[in-house]
């Protein structure tokens, strides 16, 4: 994978930094992405936020590590310490697109396959994994599975929500009729019903209580 990500000549120090990132970013082997269902996404996420992407840029940090920086204007929070109305900014490994370095070599260190792609003005629900301890880089739990985009009032991830509800068991008395139907029908989900389910699952501690498995 490293050759695919870093197909240009770089000093040893920068190469070492890139190797460190590959070891630090959660689920770096994105080409062998393991399916995570909704229960697992909720458990893995440090924060779950919904809002509009206001800015997407990329660059190299002081160690020469490529990153994409994303800012979300947070509209609602289902989990974590992020507050509604705040701007939430994080850096994910990889560039938005190839670029030429200062020494003239082409840099192909774009975000690996399986990482979420971010676009300005899209409304998203992001299950944010904790930051990598050494690099501060961050992405969504389950990689692209943990970033859902709003389309015509529905939410869908890069994989059309495949596997989102596989093996998920929830006390049916806690769900509306629409939510009961949602977890049995794959594909895009109603945004309001989905966020209500996720918000209550966290606030009422369904997983720890055995109400959600």
N, C-alpha and C. Protein backbone atom coordinates (compact mmCIF):
# COMPACT_ATOMS: atom_id res chain seq x y z
N UNK A 1 0.84 -1.21 0.00
CA UNK A 1 0.00 0.00 0.00
C UNK A 1 0.86 1.25 0.00
N UNK A 2 2.04 1.19 0.70
CA UNK A 2 2.87 2.37 0.81
C UNK A 2 3.30 2.86 -0.56
N UNK A 3 3.67 1.92 -1.46
CA UNK A 3 4.10 2.34 -2.78
C UNK A 3 2.97 3.05 -3.51
N UNK A 4 1.74 2.60 -3.31
CA UNK A 4 0.58 3.23 -3.94
C UNK A 4 0.38 4.64 -3.41
N UNK A 5 0.64 4.84 -2.10
CA UNK A 5 0.39 6.14 -1.47
C UNK A 5 1.50 7.14 -1.72
N UNK A 6 2.73 6.67 -1.77
CA UNK A 6 3.86 7.58 -1.79
C UNK A 6 4.78 7.29 -2.97
N UNK A 7 4.28 7.51 -4.18
CA UNK A 7 5.03 7.21 -5.38
C UNK A 7 5.85 8.43 -5.81
N UNK A 8 6.71 8.87 -4.97
CA UNK A 8 7.62 9.94 -5.31
C UNK A 8 8.82 9.86 -4.38
N UNK A 9 9.94 10.45 -4.76
CA UNK A 9 11.14 10.42 -3.95
C UNK A 9 10.99 11.39 -2.78
N UNK A 10 11.36 10.93 -1.61
CA UNK A 10 11.27 11.79 -0.44
C UNK A 10 12.44 11.51 0.48
N UNK A 11 12.87 12.49 1.27
CA UNK A 11 13.94 12.27 2.24
C UNK A 11 13.56 11.17 3.22
N UNK A 12 14.58 10.53 3.80
CA UNK A 12 14.34 9.42 4.72
C UNK A 12 13.47 9.85 5.89
N UNK A 13 13.69 11.05 6.41
CA UNK A 13 12.91 11.52 7.57
C UNK A 13 11.44 11.61 7.23
N UNK A 14 11.12 12.12 6.05
CA UNK A 14 9.73 12.23 5.66
C UNK A 14 9.11 10.87 5.39
N UNK A 15 9.88 9.97 4.82
CA UNK A 15 9.38 8.62 4.59
C UNK A 15 9.08 7.95 5.91
N UNK A 16 9.96 8.15 6.89
CA UNK A 16 9.71 7.57 8.21
C UNK A 16 8.45 8.14 8.82
N UNK A 17 8.23 9.44 8.63
CA UNK A 17 7.01 10.07 9.15
C UNK A 17 5.77 9.47 8.51
N UNK A 18 5.85 9.24 7.20
CA UNK A 18 4.70 8.65 6.50
C UNK A 18 4.43 7.24 6.99
N UNK A 19 5.50 6.49 7.24
CA UNK A 19 5.33 5.14 7.77
C UNK A 19 4.67 5.19 9.15
N UNK A 20 5.07 6.18 9.95
CA UNK A 20 4.47 6.33 11.28
C UNK A 20 2.99 6.59 11.18
N UNK A 21 2.58 7.42 10.22
CA UNK A 21 1.16 7.70 10.02
C UNK A 21 0.42 6.43 9.68
N UNK A 22 1.00 5.62 8.80
CA UNK A 22 0.32 4.39 8.39
C UNK A 22 0.08 3.46 9.57
N UNK A 23 0.95 3.57 10.58
CA UNK A 23 0.79 2.74 11.76
C UNK A 23 -0.17 3.37 12.77
N UNK A 24 -0.35 4.70 12.68
CA UNK A 24 -1.12 5.41 13.69
C UNK A 24 -2.58 5.61 13.31
N UNK A 25 -2.89 5.74 12.01
CA UNK A 25 -4.25 6.00 11.60
C UNK A 25 -5.09 4.74 11.81
N UNK A 26 -6.26 4.84 12.47
CA UNK A 26 -7.11 3.68 12.68
C UNK A 26 -7.48 3.00 11.38
N UNK A 27 -7.38 1.68 11.37
CA UNK A 27 -7.78 0.88 10.21
C UNK A 27 -7.07 1.34 8.95
N UNK A 28 -5.76 1.49 9.02
CA UNK A 28 -5.01 2.01 7.89
C UNK A 28 -5.10 1.09 6.67
N UNK A 29 -5.35 -0.20 6.88
CA UNK A 29 -5.47 -1.11 5.76
C UNK A 29 -6.86 -0.99 5.16
N UNK A 30 -7.13 0.17 4.58
CA UNK A 30 -8.48 0.50 4.13
C UNK A 30 -8.93 -0.35 2.96
N UNK A 31 -7.96 -0.90 2.20
CA UNK A 31 -8.36 -1.72 1.06
C UNK A 31 -8.96 -3.04 1.51
N UNK A 32 -8.79 -3.39 2.79
CA UNK A 32 -9.39 -4.59 3.34
C UNK A 32 -10.38 -4.18 4.44
N UNK A 33 -11.22 -3.24 4.10
CA UNK A 33 -12.13 -2.64 5.06
C UNK A 33 -13.08 -3.68 5.65
N UNK A 34 -13.14 -3.71 6.96
CA UNK A 34 -14.03 -4.63 7.67
C UNK A 34 -15.36 -3.94 7.91
N UNK A 35 -16.44 -4.62 7.56
CA UNK A 35 -17.77 -4.03 7.73
C UNK A 35 -18.07 -3.77 9.21
N UNK A 36 -18.56 -2.58 9.49
CA UNK A 36 -19.01 -2.25 10.83
C UNK A 36 -20.47 -1.85 10.77
N UNK A 37 -21.28 -2.45 11.64
CA UNK A 37 -22.70 -2.10 11.66
C UNK A 37 -22.92 -0.88 12.57
N UNK A 38 -24.16 -0.47 12.69
CA UNK A 38 -24.46 0.75 13.43
C UNK A 38 -24.05 0.65 14.90
N UNK A 39 -24.28 -0.50 15.51
CA UNK A 39 -23.88 -0.68 16.91
C UNK A 39 -22.38 -0.48 17.07
N UNK A 40 -21.61 -1.05 16.16
CA UNK A 40 -20.16 -0.92 16.23
C UNK A 40 -19.70 0.51 15.96
N UNK A 41 -20.37 1.18 15.03
CA UNK A 41 -20.01 2.57 14.75
C UNK A 41 -20.24 3.46 15.96
N UNK A 42 -21.37 3.27 16.63
CA UNK A 42 -21.68 4.06 17.82
C UNK A 42 -20.64 3.80 18.91
N UNK A 43 -20.29 2.53 19.11
CA UNK A 43 -19.31 2.18 20.13
C UNK A 43 -17.93 2.73 19.80
N UNK A 44 -17.55 2.70 18.55
CA UNK A 44 -16.20 3.12 18.14
C UNK A 44 -16.03 4.63 18.11
N UNK A 45 -17.11 5.34 17.90
CA UNK A 45 -17.02 6.79 17.72
C UNK A 45 -16.77 7.51 19.05
N UNK A 46 -15.84 8.46 19.02
CA UNK A 46 -15.65 9.34 20.17
C UNK A 46 -16.69 10.45 20.15
N UNK A 47 -17.03 10.89 18.93
CA UNK A 47 -18.04 11.93 18.74
C UNK A 47 -18.91 11.55 17.54
N UNK A 48 -20.18 11.92 17.61
CA UNK A 48 -21.09 11.75 16.47
C UNK A 48 -21.72 13.10 16.24
N UNK A 49 -21.41 13.71 15.10
CA UNK A 49 -21.87 15.06 14.81
C UNK A 49 -22.59 15.12 13.47
N UNK A 50 -23.50 16.05 13.35
CA UNK A 50 -24.18 16.31 12.09
C UNK A 50 -24.05 17.78 11.77
N UNK A 51 -23.78 18.09 10.51
CA UNK A 51 -23.64 19.49 10.14
C UNK A 51 -23.16 19.65 8.71
N UNK A 52 -22.90 20.89 8.34
CA UNK A 52 -22.50 21.23 6.98
C UNK A 52 -21.00 21.41 6.89
N UNK A 53 -20.41 20.77 5.90
CA UNK A 53 -18.97 20.95 5.65
C UNK A 53 -18.75 22.35 5.08
N UNK A 54 -17.99 23.15 5.77
CA UNK A 54 -17.78 24.54 5.34
C UNK A 54 -16.44 24.76 4.65
N UNK A 55 -15.49 23.86 4.85
CA UNK A 55 -14.18 24.06 4.24
C UNK A 55 -13.45 22.73 4.13
N UNK A 56 -12.78 22.52 3.00
CA UNK A 56 -11.96 21.33 2.78
C UNK A 56 -10.68 21.78 2.08
N UNK A 57 -9.56 21.60 2.73
CA UNK A 57 -8.27 21.96 2.15
C UNK A 57 -7.29 20.81 2.38
N UNK A 58 -6.14 20.88 1.73
CA UNK A 58 -5.12 19.87 1.99
C UNK A 58 -3.75 20.51 2.04
N UNK A 59 -2.76 19.73 2.46
CA UNK A 59 -1.41 20.26 2.57
C UNK A 59 -0.47 19.25 3.19
N UNK A 60 0.70 19.73 3.58
CA UNK A 60 1.71 18.92 4.25
C UNK A 60 2.02 19.54 5.60
N UNK A 61 2.11 18.72 6.64
CA UNK A 61 2.46 19.29 7.94
C UNK A 61 3.97 19.48 8.03
N UNK A 62 4.46 19.90 9.17
CA UNK A 62 5.88 20.22 9.32
C UNK A 62 6.79 19.02 9.16
N UNK A 63 6.23 17.81 9.29
CA UNK A 63 7.01 16.59 9.10
C UNK A 63 6.90 16.07 7.67
N UNK A 64 6.14 16.80 6.82
CA UNK A 64 5.98 16.37 5.44
C UNK A 64 4.87 15.37 5.23
N UNK A 65 4.04 15.18 6.25
CA UNK A 65 2.94 14.22 6.14
C UNK A 65 1.74 14.88 5.45
N UNK A 66 1.20 14.26 4.40
CA UNK A 66 0.06 14.84 3.68
C UNK A 66 -1.24 14.69 4.46
N UNK A 67 -2.07 15.73 4.40
CA UNK A 67 -3.34 15.68 5.12
C UNK A 67 -4.43 16.40 4.34
N UNK A 68 -5.67 16.06 4.66
CA UNK A 68 -6.84 16.83 4.24
C UNK A 68 -7.48 17.40 5.49
N UNK A 69 -7.69 18.71 5.52
CA UNK A 69 -8.31 19.36 6.68
C UNK A 69 -9.76 19.67 6.37
N UNK A 70 -10.64 19.23 7.26
CA UNK A 70 -12.08 19.38 7.08
C UNK A 70 -12.68 20.17 8.24
N UNK A 71 -13.55 21.12 7.93
CA UNK A 71 -14.26 21.87 8.96
C UNK A 71 -15.76 21.66 8.78
N UNK A 72 -16.44 21.31 9.87
CA UNK A 72 -17.88 21.09 9.86
C UNK A 72 -18.55 22.09 10.79
N UNK A 73 -19.56 22.80 10.28
CA UNK A 73 -20.39 23.65 11.12
C UNK A 73 -21.41 22.74 11.78
N UNK A 74 -21.25 22.50 13.06
CA UNK A 74 -22.04 21.47 13.75
C UNK A 74 -23.46 21.95 14.02
N UNK A 75 -24.42 21.17 13.53
CA UNK A 75 -25.82 21.49 13.77
C UNK A 75 -26.42 20.72 14.92
N UNK A 76 -25.96 19.47 15.09
CA UNK A 76 -26.44 18.65 16.21
C UNK A 76 -25.36 17.65 16.60
N UNK A 77 -25.44 17.20 17.84
CA UNK A 77 -24.45 16.28 18.38
C UNK A 77 -25.17 15.12 19.06
N UNK A 78 -24.82 13.91 18.67
CA UNK A 78 -25.42 12.74 19.30
C UNK A 78 -24.50 12.11 20.34
N UNK A 79 -23.21 12.40 20.24
CA UNK A 79 -22.25 11.82 21.19
C UNK A 79 -21.00 12.68 21.22
N UNK A 80 -20.40 12.79 22.41
CA UNK A 80 -19.13 13.48 22.52
C UNK A 80 -19.23 14.85 23.13
N UNK A 81 -18.09 15.53 23.19
CA UNK A 81 -17.98 16.82 23.86
C UNK A 81 -18.11 18.01 22.91
N UNK A 82 -18.24 17.75 21.61
CA UNK A 82 -18.45 18.82 20.65
C UNK A 82 -19.80 19.47 20.94
N UNK A 83 -19.90 20.78 20.77
CA UNK A 83 -21.14 21.50 21.06
C UNK A 83 -21.81 21.99 19.78
N UNK A 84 -23.13 21.99 19.81
CA UNK A 84 -23.89 22.52 18.68
C UNK A 84 -23.51 23.98 18.44
N UNK A 85 -23.41 24.35 17.17
CA UNK A 85 -23.06 25.72 16.83
C UNK A 85 -21.57 25.95 16.69
N UNK A 86 -20.76 24.99 17.11
CA UNK A 86 -19.32 25.12 17.00
C UNK A 86 -18.85 24.71 15.60
N UNK A 87 -17.63 25.11 15.27
CA UNK A 87 -16.96 24.60 14.08
C UNK A 87 -16.03 23.49 14.53
N UNK A 88 -16.16 22.33 13.91
CA UNK A 88 -15.35 21.17 14.27
C UNK A 88 -14.36 20.91 13.14
N UNK A 89 -13.07 21.02 13.43
CA UNK A 89 -12.04 20.87 12.41
C UNK A 89 -11.13 19.70 12.75
N UNK A 90 -10.81 18.90 11.76
CA UNK A 90 -9.91 17.77 11.95
C UNK A 90 -9.08 17.55 10.69
N UNK A 91 -8.01 16.81 10.84
CA UNK A 91 -7.16 16.47 9.70
C UNK A 91 -7.14 14.96 9.49
N UNK A 92 -7.39 14.57 8.26
CA UNK A 92 -7.39 13.17 7.85
C UNK A 92 -6.17 12.92 6.96
N UNK A 93 -5.62 11.74 7.02
CA UNK A 93 -4.42 11.43 6.23
C UNK A 93 -4.69 11.50 4.73
N UNK A 94 -3.77 12.08 3.99
CA UNK A 94 -3.83 12.07 2.53
C UNK A 94 -4.28 13.38 1.92
N UNK A 95 -3.81 13.63 0.70
CA UNK A 95 -4.18 14.82 -0.05
C UNK A 95 -5.50 14.63 -0.79
N UNK A 96 -6.08 15.72 -1.20
CA UNK A 96 -7.31 15.67 -2.01
C UNK A 96 -7.02 15.18 -3.41
N UNK A 97 -5.88 15.59 -3.96
CA UNK A 97 -5.50 15.18 -5.31
C UNK A 97 -3.98 15.29 -5.43
N UNK A 98 -3.39 14.59 -6.40
CA UNK A 98 -1.94 14.64 -6.57
C UNK A 98 -1.46 16.07 -6.78
N UNK A 99 -0.26 16.34 -6.34
CA UNK A 99 0.33 17.65 -6.56
C UNK A 99 1.83 17.49 -6.81
N UNK A 100 2.46 18.55 -7.28
CA UNK A 100 3.89 18.53 -7.53
C UNK A 100 4.62 19.18 -6.35
N UNK A 101 5.62 18.50 -5.83
CA UNK A 101 6.35 19.02 -4.68
C UNK A 101 7.33 20.10 -5.12
N UNK A 102 7.94 20.76 -4.16
CA UNK A 102 8.84 21.87 -4.45
C UNK A 102 10.03 21.45 -5.29
N UNK A 103 10.46 20.18 -5.15
CA UNK A 103 11.61 19.71 -5.92
C UNK A 103 11.22 19.18 -7.30
N UNK A 104 9.94 19.34 -7.67
CA UNK A 104 9.50 18.95 -9.00
C UNK A 104 8.97 17.55 -9.12
N UNK A 105 9.06 16.75 -8.07
CA UNK A 105 8.55 15.39 -8.12
C UNK A 105 7.04 15.38 -7.88
N UNK A 106 6.35 14.52 -8.59
CA UNK A 106 4.90 14.44 -8.40
C UNK A 106 4.59 13.65 -7.14
N UNK A 107 3.70 14.17 -6.35
CA UNK A 107 3.29 13.54 -5.10
C UNK A 107 1.92 12.91 -5.27
N UNK A 108 1.83 11.60 -5.04
CA UNK A 108 0.57 10.89 -5.22
C UNK A 108 -0.02 10.42 -3.89
N UNK A 109 0.31 11.12 -2.82
CA UNK A 109 -0.11 10.71 -1.49
C UNK A 109 -1.54 11.14 -1.19
N UNK A 110 -2.47 10.71 -2.03
CA UNK A 110 -3.87 11.04 -1.80
C UNK A 110 -4.45 10.10 -0.74
N UNK A 111 -5.62 10.45 -0.21
CA UNK A 111 -6.25 9.61 0.80
C UNK A 111 -6.47 8.21 0.24
N UNK A 112 -6.12 7.17 0.99
CA UNK A 112 -6.23 5.80 0.50
C UNK A 112 -7.67 5.39 0.21
N UNK A 113 -7.80 4.36 -0.59
CA UNK A 113 -9.11 3.78 -0.86
C UNK A 113 -9.76 3.36 0.45
N UNK A 114 -11.04 3.66 0.61
CA UNK A 114 -11.75 3.30 1.83
C UNK A 114 -11.88 4.44 2.81
N UNK A 115 -11.04 5.50 2.65
CA UNK A 115 -11.18 6.68 3.48
C UNK A 115 -12.36 7.51 2.95
N UNK A 116 -13.07 8.22 3.83
CA UNK A 116 -14.17 9.06 3.35
C UNK A 116 -13.67 10.23 2.51
N UNK A 117 -14.48 10.67 1.57
CA UNK A 117 -14.19 11.85 0.77
C UNK A 117 -15.10 12.98 1.24
N UNK A 118 -14.57 14.19 1.33
CA UNK A 118 -15.30 15.32 1.88
C UNK A 118 -15.43 16.42 0.84
N UNK A 119 -16.59 17.09 0.82
CA UNK A 119 -16.85 18.14 -0.15
C UNK A 119 -17.53 19.32 0.54
N UNK A 120 -17.10 20.51 0.18
CA UNK A 120 -17.69 21.71 0.77
C UNK A 120 -19.18 21.78 0.48
N UNK A 121 -19.95 22.23 1.47
CA UNK A 121 -21.39 22.47 1.41
C UNK A 121 -22.24 21.20 1.54
N UNK A 122 -21.64 20.04 1.63
CA UNK A 122 -22.46 18.85 1.84
C UNK A 122 -22.84 18.75 3.32
N UNK A 123 -24.03 18.22 3.57
CA UNK A 123 -24.49 18.01 4.95
C UNK A 123 -24.18 16.56 5.31
N UNK A 124 -23.49 16.36 6.42
CA UNK A 124 -23.02 15.02 6.77
C UNK A 124 -23.36 14.64 8.20
N UNK A 125 -23.38 13.35 8.43
CA UNK A 125 -23.37 12.80 9.77
C UNK A 125 -22.06 12.03 9.88
N UNK A 126 -21.23 12.40 10.85
CA UNK A 126 -19.90 11.81 10.96
C UNK A 126 -19.71 11.13 12.31
N UNK A 127 -19.40 9.85 12.27
CA UNK A 127 -19.06 9.08 13.47
C UNK A 127 -17.54 9.19 13.62
N UNK A 128 -17.07 10.17 14.38
CA UNK A 128 -15.65 10.50 14.42
C UNK A 128 -14.89 9.61 15.42
N UNK A 129 -13.88 8.91 14.88
CA UNK A 129 -12.98 8.12 15.72
C UNK A 129 -12.05 9.08 16.47
N UNK A 130 -11.46 8.63 17.55
CA UNK A 130 -10.54 9.49 18.30
C UNK A 130 -9.29 9.79 17.47
N UNK A 131 -8.62 10.89 17.80
CA UNK A 131 -7.40 11.28 17.10
C UNK A 131 -6.27 10.29 17.37
N UNK A 132 -5.42 10.09 16.36
CA UNK A 132 -4.23 9.28 16.56
C UNK A 132 -3.31 9.97 17.55
N UNK A 133 -2.78 9.23 18.49
CA UNK A 133 -2.02 9.82 19.57
C UNK A 133 -0.78 10.56 19.13
N UNK A 134 -0.03 10.03 18.16
CA UNK A 134 1.24 10.63 17.79
C UNK A 134 1.11 11.70 16.71
N UNK A 135 0.12 11.56 15.85
CA UNK A 135 0.02 12.47 14.70
C UNK A 135 -1.11 13.48 14.82
N UNK A 136 -2.12 13.16 15.61
CA UNK A 136 -3.29 14.03 15.70
C UNK A 136 -4.24 13.87 14.54
N UNK A 137 -3.90 12.97 13.60
CA UNK A 137 -4.78 12.74 12.46
C UNK A 137 -6.03 11.99 12.92
N UNK A 138 -7.10 12.16 12.17
CA UNK A 138 -8.39 11.63 12.60
C UNK A 138 -9.24 11.33 11.38
N UNK A 139 -10.07 10.31 11.49
CA UNK A 139 -11.06 10.04 10.45
C UNK A 139 -12.29 9.45 11.12
N UNK A 140 -13.20 8.96 10.33
CA UNK A 140 -14.44 8.43 10.87
C UNK A 140 -14.31 6.97 11.27
N UNK A 141 -15.06 6.56 12.27
CA UNK A 141 -15.12 5.15 12.64
C UNK A 141 -15.60 4.34 11.45
N UNK A 142 -14.96 3.21 11.22
CA UNK A 142 -15.35 2.41 10.06
C UNK A 142 -14.93 3.03 8.74
N UNK A 143 -14.05 4.03 8.81
CA UNK A 143 -13.58 4.74 7.62
C UNK A 143 -14.77 5.34 6.87
N UNK A 144 -14.91 5.06 5.56
CA UNK A 144 -16.00 5.67 4.78
C UNK A 144 -17.38 5.20 5.23
N UNK A 145 -17.45 4.12 5.99
CA UNK A 145 -18.74 3.66 6.51
C UNK A 145 -19.31 4.64 7.53
N UNK A 146 -18.43 5.37 8.20
CA UNK A 146 -18.85 6.26 9.27
C UNK A 146 -19.12 7.68 8.86
N UNK A 147 -19.15 7.94 7.55
CA UNK A 147 -19.50 9.27 7.05
C UNK A 147 -20.71 9.14 6.13
N UNK A 148 -21.84 9.70 6.57
CA UNK A 148 -23.08 9.64 5.79
C UNK A 148 -23.39 11.02 5.24
N UNK A 149 -23.82 11.06 4.01
CA UNK A 149 -24.13 12.32 3.33
C UNK A 149 -25.64 12.45 3.15
N UNK A 150 -26.14 13.67 3.34
CA UNK A 150 -27.56 13.94 3.16
C UNK A 150 -27.89 14.10 1.68
N UNK A 151 -28.86 13.32 1.20
CA UNK A 151 -29.34 13.42 -0.18
C UNK A 151 -30.86 13.36 -0.15
N UNK A 152 -31.50 14.47 -0.48
CA UNK A 152 -32.97 14.53 -0.51
C UNK A 152 -33.62 14.02 0.76
N UNK A 153 -33.10 14.45 1.89
CA UNK A 153 -33.69 14.08 3.17
C UNK A 153 -33.32 12.71 3.68
N UNK A 154 -32.43 12.02 2.96
CA UNK A 154 -31.98 10.70 3.40
C UNK A 154 -30.47 10.73 3.61
N UNK A 155 -29.97 9.77 4.38
CA UNK A 155 -28.55 9.66 4.66
C UNK A 155 -28.00 8.37 4.07
N UNK A 156 -26.84 8.47 3.45
CA UNK A 156 -26.24 7.30 2.83
C UNK A 156 -24.72 7.46 2.85
N UNK A 157 -24.01 6.36 3.10
CA UNK A 157 -22.55 6.43 3.06
C UNK A 157 -22.02 5.99 1.70
N UNK A 158 -20.73 5.91 1.57
CA UNK A 158 -20.09 5.61 0.29
C UNK A 158 -20.47 4.24 -0.25
N UNK A 159 -20.94 3.35 0.64
CA UNK A 159 -21.28 1.99 0.25
C UNK A 159 -22.79 1.75 0.24
N UNK A 160 -23.55 2.85 0.11
CA UNK A 160 -25.01 2.76 0.10
C UNK A 160 -25.53 2.08 1.37
N UNK A 161 -24.82 2.31 2.48
CA UNK A 161 -25.19 1.77 3.80
C UNK A 161 -25.17 0.25 3.87
N UNK A 162 -24.45 -0.39 2.98
CA UNK A 162 -24.35 -1.85 3.00
C UNK A 162 -23.78 -2.31 4.34
N UNK A 163 -24.46 -3.25 4.99
CA UNK A 163 -24.00 -3.79 6.26
C UNK A 163 -24.33 -2.93 7.47
N UNK A 164 -24.94 -1.77 7.28
CA UNK A 164 -25.20 -0.84 8.38
C UNK A 164 -26.02 -1.49 9.50
N UNK A 165 -26.97 -2.33 9.13
CA UNK A 165 -27.85 -2.93 10.15
C UNK A 165 -27.69 -4.45 10.24
N UNK A 166 -26.65 -4.98 9.61
CA UNK A 166 -26.41 -6.43 9.69
C UNK A 166 -26.13 -6.83 11.13
N UNK A 167 -26.91 -7.75 11.65
CA UNK A 167 -26.69 -8.24 13.01
C UNK A 167 -27.14 -7.30 14.11
N UNK A 168 -27.70 -6.15 13.76
CA UNK A 168 -28.15 -5.20 14.78
C UNK A 168 -29.48 -5.66 15.37
N UNK A 169 -29.53 -5.71 16.69
CA UNK A 169 -30.76 -6.07 17.39
C UNK A 169 -31.13 -4.95 18.35
N UNK A 170 -32.35 -4.44 18.23
CA UNK A 170 -32.82 -3.35 19.10
C UNK A 170 -34.20 -3.72 19.63
N UNK A 171 -34.42 -3.41 20.89
CA UNK A 171 -35.73 -3.61 21.50
C UNK A 171 -36.77 -2.86 20.66
N UNK A 172 -37.66 -3.59 20.01
CA UNK A 172 -38.61 -3.00 19.08
C UNK A 172 -39.55 -1.99 19.73
N UNK A 173 -39.76 -2.13 21.04
CA UNK A 173 -40.64 -1.20 21.74
C UNK A 173 -40.05 0.21 21.82
N UNK A 174 -38.75 0.31 21.56
CA UNK A 174 -38.08 1.61 21.61
C UNK A 174 -38.11 2.35 20.28
N UNK A 175 -38.59 1.67 19.25
CA UNK A 175 -38.51 2.22 17.90
C UNK A 175 -39.87 2.59 17.34
N UNK A 176 -39.88 3.62 16.50
CA UNK A 176 -41.09 3.96 15.75
C UNK A 176 -41.25 2.95 14.62
N UNK A 177 -42.40 2.96 14.00
CA UNK A 177 -42.65 2.05 12.88
C UNK A 177 -41.65 2.30 11.75
N UNK A 178 -41.35 3.57 11.51
CA UNK A 178 -40.39 3.91 10.45
C UNK A 178 -39.00 3.39 10.79
N UNK A 179 -38.61 3.48 12.05
CA UNK A 179 -37.30 2.99 12.46
C UNK A 179 -37.24 1.47 12.40
N UNK A 180 -38.31 0.80 12.76
CA UNK A 180 -38.34 -0.65 12.65
C UNK A 180 -38.16 -1.09 11.21
N UNK A 181 -38.81 -0.39 10.30
CA UNK A 181 -38.67 -0.70 8.88
C UNK A 181 -37.26 -0.37 8.38
N UNK A 182 -36.68 0.70 8.89
CA UNK A 182 -35.37 1.16 8.46
C UNK A 182 -34.29 0.12 8.70
N UNK A 183 -34.33 -0.54 9.85
CA UNK A 183 -33.26 -1.48 10.17
C UNK A 183 -33.40 -2.80 9.45
N UNK A 184 -34.51 -3.00 8.77
CA UNK A 184 -34.69 -4.25 8.00
C UNK A 184 -34.55 -4.01 6.50
N UNK A 185 -34.48 -2.75 6.08
CA UNK A 185 -34.40 -2.43 4.66
C UNK A 185 -33.08 -1.72 4.37
N UNK A 186 -32.18 -2.34 3.62
CA UNK A 186 -30.89 -1.72 3.32
C UNK A 186 -31.05 -0.50 2.40
N UNK A 187 -30.04 0.34 2.40
CA UNK A 187 -30.05 1.51 1.53
C UNK A 187 -30.15 2.81 2.31
N UNK A 188 -30.47 3.88 1.61
CA UNK A 188 -30.56 5.20 2.24
C UNK A 188 -31.62 5.20 3.33
N UNK A 189 -31.37 5.98 4.40
CA UNK A 189 -32.28 6.01 5.54
C UNK A 189 -32.80 7.43 5.74
N UNK A 190 -34.02 7.54 6.26
CA UNK A 190 -34.59 8.84 6.57
C UNK A 190 -33.71 9.53 7.60
N UNK A 191 -33.29 10.75 7.31
CA UNK A 191 -32.33 11.45 8.16
C UNK A 191 -32.87 11.70 9.57
N UNK A 192 -34.12 12.14 9.66
CA UNK A 192 -34.71 12.45 10.96
C UNK A 192 -34.84 11.20 11.81
N UNK A 193 -35.36 10.13 11.22
CA UNK A 193 -35.55 8.88 11.96
C UNK A 193 -34.21 8.29 12.39
N UNK A 194 -33.21 8.37 11.52
CA UNK A 194 -31.90 7.81 11.83
C UNK A 194 -31.24 8.56 12.97
N UNK A 195 -31.24 9.89 12.91
CA UNK A 195 -30.59 10.68 13.96
C UNK A 195 -31.31 10.56 15.29
N UNK A 196 -32.64 10.40 15.23
CA UNK A 196 -33.40 10.19 16.47
C UNK A 196 -32.98 8.87 17.11
N UNK A 197 -32.85 7.84 16.29
CA UNK A 197 -32.44 6.52 16.80
C UNK A 197 -31.05 6.60 17.42
N UNK A 198 -30.10 7.18 16.69
CA UNK A 198 -28.72 7.26 17.18
C UNK A 198 -28.65 8.10 18.46
N UNK A 199 -29.33 9.24 18.45
CA UNK A 199 -29.31 10.12 19.61
C UNK A 199 -29.86 9.45 20.86
N UNK A 200 -30.99 8.75 20.72
CA UNK A 200 -31.57 8.08 21.89
C UNK A 200 -30.73 6.88 22.31
N UNK A 201 -30.15 6.18 21.36
CA UNK A 201 -29.30 5.03 21.70
C UNK A 201 -28.14 5.46 22.59
N UNK A 202 -27.57 6.64 22.29
CA UNK A 202 -26.46 7.14 23.09
C UNK A 202 -26.96 7.71 24.41
N UNK A 203 -27.94 8.59 24.35
CA UNK A 203 -28.42 9.27 25.56
C UNK A 203 -29.00 8.31 26.59
N UNK A 204 -29.67 7.26 26.10
CA UNK A 204 -30.33 6.31 27.00
C UNK A 204 -29.49 5.06 27.23
N UNK A 205 -28.27 5.06 26.68
CA UNK A 205 -27.30 3.99 26.95
C UNK A 205 -27.84 2.61 26.57
N UNK A 206 -28.45 2.53 25.40
CA UNK A 206 -29.07 1.28 24.97
C UNK A 206 -28.09 0.12 24.89
N UNK A 207 -26.89 0.38 24.40
CA UNK A 207 -25.94 -0.72 24.19
C UNK A 207 -25.50 -1.32 25.53
N UNK A 208 -25.15 -0.48 26.49
CA UNK A 208 -24.73 -0.98 27.81
C UNK A 208 -25.87 -1.70 28.52
N UNK A 209 -27.10 -1.26 28.27
CA UNK A 209 -28.26 -1.87 28.93
C UNK A 209 -28.76 -3.12 28.21
N UNK A 210 -28.16 -3.44 27.07
CA UNK A 210 -28.58 -4.60 26.32
C UNK A 210 -29.81 -4.38 25.46
N UNK A 211 -30.26 -3.12 25.35
CA UNK A 211 -31.41 -2.81 24.52
C UNK A 211 -31.03 -2.77 23.04
N UNK A 212 -29.72 -2.62 22.77
CA UNK A 212 -29.21 -2.59 21.41
C UNK A 212 -27.94 -3.41 21.35
N UNK A 213 -27.90 -4.31 20.39
CA UNK A 213 -26.72 -5.20 20.25
C UNK A 213 -26.24 -5.16 18.81
